[in-house]
Every structure is written in C-alpha cells, then in structure tokens.
C-alpha cells in the first residue's frame, strides 16, 4: 500500500512537471536589433621572411 502511494505521488509530480514544461517551455525570446560597425579597410599584408611585407 505504501509503494502504491509513492507511485501515485511520483506520477502526479510527473504530470504537474510536464504541464509546467508545456506552459513555460514554449516562450519566445525577446528579439532586438543589434548593429555593429564593420571596417571596410583592407587587412595589412603579412610579413615575409625578409620582413618587408612584399614577396
């Protein structure tokens, strides 16, 4: 009889948890526009073995 009560409590907790997840788990995030400046300047040339930056 005691095992049956524990089983009923666990099933009830699972049903309540599933209902809570179904209600709160479907919330959409708040969206906002984010703008970041992008530099259009070319990247500096990589240094070569002689250190001049040209081939």
N, C-alpha and C. Protein backbone atom coordinates (compact mmCIF):
# COMPACT_ATOMS: atom_id res chain seq x y z
N UNK A 1 0.83 -1.20 0.00
CA UNK A 1 0.00 0.00 0.00
C UNK A 1 0.87 1.26 0.00
N UNK A 2 1.97 1.21 0.77
CA UNK A 2 2.86 2.37 0.83
C UNK A 2 3.53 2.61 -0.52
N UNK A 3 3.89 1.54 -1.20
CA UNK A 3 4.51 1.65 -2.52
C UNK A 3 3.53 2.26 -3.52
N UNK A 4 2.27 1.93 -3.41
CA UNK A 4 1.25 2.49 -4.29
C UNK A 4 1.12 4.00 -4.08
N UNK A 5 1.18 4.46 -2.83
CA UNK A 5 1.10 5.89 -2.54
C UNK A 5 2.31 6.63 -3.13
N UNK A 6 3.48 6.06 -2.99
CA UNK A 6 4.69 6.67 -3.55
C UNK A 6 4.58 6.74 -5.07
N UNK A 7 4.08 5.68 -5.68
CA UNK A 7 3.91 5.66 -7.13
C UNK A 7 2.91 6.71 -7.59
N UNK A 8 1.81 6.88 -6.87
CA UNK A 8 0.81 7.90 -7.21
C UNK A 8 1.41 9.29 -7.08
N UNK A 9 2.18 9.54 -6.04
CA UNK A 9 2.81 10.85 -5.84
C UNK A 9 3.81 11.13 -6.96
N UNK A 10 4.59 10.15 -7.35
CA UNK A 10 5.56 10.33 -8.44
C UNK A 10 4.86 10.60 -9.77
N UNK A 11 3.79 9.88 -10.04
CA UNK A 11 3.04 10.11 -11.28
C UNK A 11 2.42 11.49 -11.28
N UNK A 12 1.86 11.91 -10.15
CA UNK A 12 1.27 13.23 -10.03
C UNK A 12 2.33 14.32 -10.23
N UNK A 13 3.51 14.15 -9.65
CA UNK A 13 4.59 15.11 -9.81
C UNK A 13 5.04 15.17 -11.27
N UNK A 14 5.08 14.03 -11.95
CA UNK A 14 5.47 13.99 -13.36
C UNK A 14 4.45 14.72 -14.23
N UNK A 15 3.17 14.54 -13.93
CA UNK A 15 2.12 15.21 -14.70
C UNK A 15 2.19 16.72 -14.48
N UNK A 16 2.38 17.15 -13.25
CA UNK A 16 2.49 18.59 -12.96
C UNK A 16 3.74 19.17 -13.63
N UNK A 17 4.84 18.44 -13.58
CA UNK A 17 6.07 18.89 -14.24
C UNK A 17 5.91 18.98 -15.75
N UNK A 18 5.23 18.03 -16.34
CA UNK A 18 5.00 18.05 -17.78
C UNK A 18 4.10 19.22 -18.17
N UNK A 19 3.08 19.49 -17.38
CA UNK A 19 2.19 20.63 -17.65
C UNK A 19 2.96 21.95 -17.51
N UNK A 20 3.81 22.06 -16.50
CA UNK A 20 4.62 23.27 -16.33
C UNK A 20 5.59 23.47 -17.48
N UNK A 21 6.21 22.40 -17.93
CA UNK A 21 7.13 22.50 -19.07
C UNK A 21 6.38 22.90 -20.33
N UNK A 22 5.19 22.35 -20.54
CA UNK A 22 4.40 22.69 -21.72
C UNK A 22 3.98 24.16 -21.69
N UNK A 23 3.71 24.68 -20.52
CA UNK A 23 3.27 26.07 -20.41
C UNK A 23 4.44 27.04 -20.50
N UNK A 24 5.50 26.80 -19.73
CA UNK A 24 6.63 27.74 -19.66
C UNK A 24 7.71 27.46 -20.70
N UNK A 25 7.76 26.28 -21.26
CA UNK A 25 8.83 25.91 -22.18
C UNK A 25 8.66 26.45 -23.58
N UNK A 26 7.52 27.04 -23.91
CA UNK A 26 7.25 27.49 -25.26
C UNK A 26 7.35 29.00 -25.39
N UNK A 27 8.04 29.66 -24.50
CA UNK A 27 8.14 31.11 -24.53
C UNK A 27 9.19 31.53 -25.56
N UNK A 28 8.87 32.55 -26.34
CA UNK A 28 9.79 33.07 -27.35
C UNK A 28 10.73 34.09 -26.72
N UNK A 29 11.99 34.13 -27.16
CA UNK A 29 12.92 35.12 -26.63
C UNK A 29 12.58 36.52 -27.14
N UNK A 30 12.96 37.52 -26.37
CA UNK A 30 12.76 38.90 -26.79
C UNK A 30 13.83 39.24 -27.82
N UNK A 31 13.40 39.69 -28.99
CA UNK A 31 14.35 39.99 -30.06
C UNK A 31 14.56 41.49 -30.15
N UNK A 32 15.80 41.86 -30.41
CA UNK A 32 16.12 43.27 -30.61
C UNK A 32 17.22 43.36 -31.67
N UNK A 33 17.19 44.45 -32.42
CA UNK A 33 18.17 44.64 -33.48
C UNK A 33 19.50 45.11 -32.89
N UNK A 34 20.58 44.49 -33.34
CA UNK A 34 21.92 44.85 -32.88
C UNK A 34 22.73 45.25 -34.10
N UNK A 35 23.30 46.44 -34.05
CA UNK A 35 24.14 46.92 -35.15
C UNK A 35 25.57 47.08 -34.66
N UNK A 36 26.50 46.52 -35.43
CA UNK A 36 27.92 46.64 -35.11
C UNK A 36 28.64 47.24 -36.31
N UNK A 37 29.46 48.26 -36.10
CA UNK A 37 30.18 48.84 -37.23
C UNK A 37 31.23 47.87 -37.77
N UNK A 38 31.34 47.85 -39.09
CA UNK A 38 32.31 46.97 -39.75
C UNK A 38 33.26 47.85 -40.54
N UNK A 39 34.55 47.63 -40.35
CA UNK A 39 35.56 48.41 -41.06
C UNK A 39 35.73 47.85 -42.47
N UNK A 40 35.74 48.74 -43.47
CA UNK A 40 35.93 48.31 -44.85
C UNK A 40 37.37 48.40 -45.29
N UNK A 41 38.29 48.72 -44.38
CA UNK A 41 39.70 48.85 -44.72
C UNK A 41 40.30 47.47 -44.96
N UNK A 42 41.21 47.36 -45.95
CA UNK A 42 41.84 46.06 -46.19
C UNK A 42 42.78 45.68 -45.04
N UNK A 43 42.95 44.40 -44.86
CA UNK A 43 43.83 43.91 -43.81
C UNK A 43 45.28 44.18 -44.19
N UNK A 44 46.14 44.44 -43.21
CA UNK A 44 47.56 44.67 -43.53
C UNK A 44 48.20 43.40 -44.08
N UNK A 45 49.20 43.59 -44.95
CA UNK A 45 49.89 42.45 -45.55
C UNK A 45 50.70 41.72 -44.50
N UNK A 46 50.75 40.41 -44.64
CA UNK A 46 51.53 39.60 -43.71
C UNK A 46 53.02 39.77 -44.00
N UNK A 47 53.83 39.76 -42.97
CA UNK A 47 55.28 39.90 -43.14
C UNK A 47 55.85 38.64 -43.77
N UNK A 48 56.86 38.82 -44.63
CA UNK A 48 57.54 37.68 -45.25
C UNK A 48 58.84 37.43 -44.51
N UNK A 49 59.63 36.53 -45.05
CA UNK A 49 60.87 36.17 -44.37
C UNK A 49 61.85 37.33 -44.24
N UNK A 50 61.89 38.22 -45.25
CA UNK A 50 62.83 39.34 -45.17
C UNK A 50 62.25 40.52 -44.38
N UNK A 51 60.98 40.42 -43.96
CA UNK A 51 60.39 41.44 -43.10
C UNK A 51 59.84 42.64 -43.83
N UNK A 52 59.81 42.62 -45.18
CA UNK A 52 59.33 43.78 -45.92
C UNK A 52 57.83 43.77 -46.15
N UNK A 53 57.21 42.61 -46.11
CA UNK A 53 55.79 42.52 -46.36
C UNK A 53 55.46 42.32 -47.82
N UNK A 54 56.48 42.27 -48.69
CA UNK A 54 56.27 42.01 -50.12
C UNK A 54 56.97 40.72 -50.48
N UNK A 55 56.51 40.14 -51.56
CA UNK A 55 57.14 38.88 -51.97
C UNK A 55 58.28 39.15 -52.80
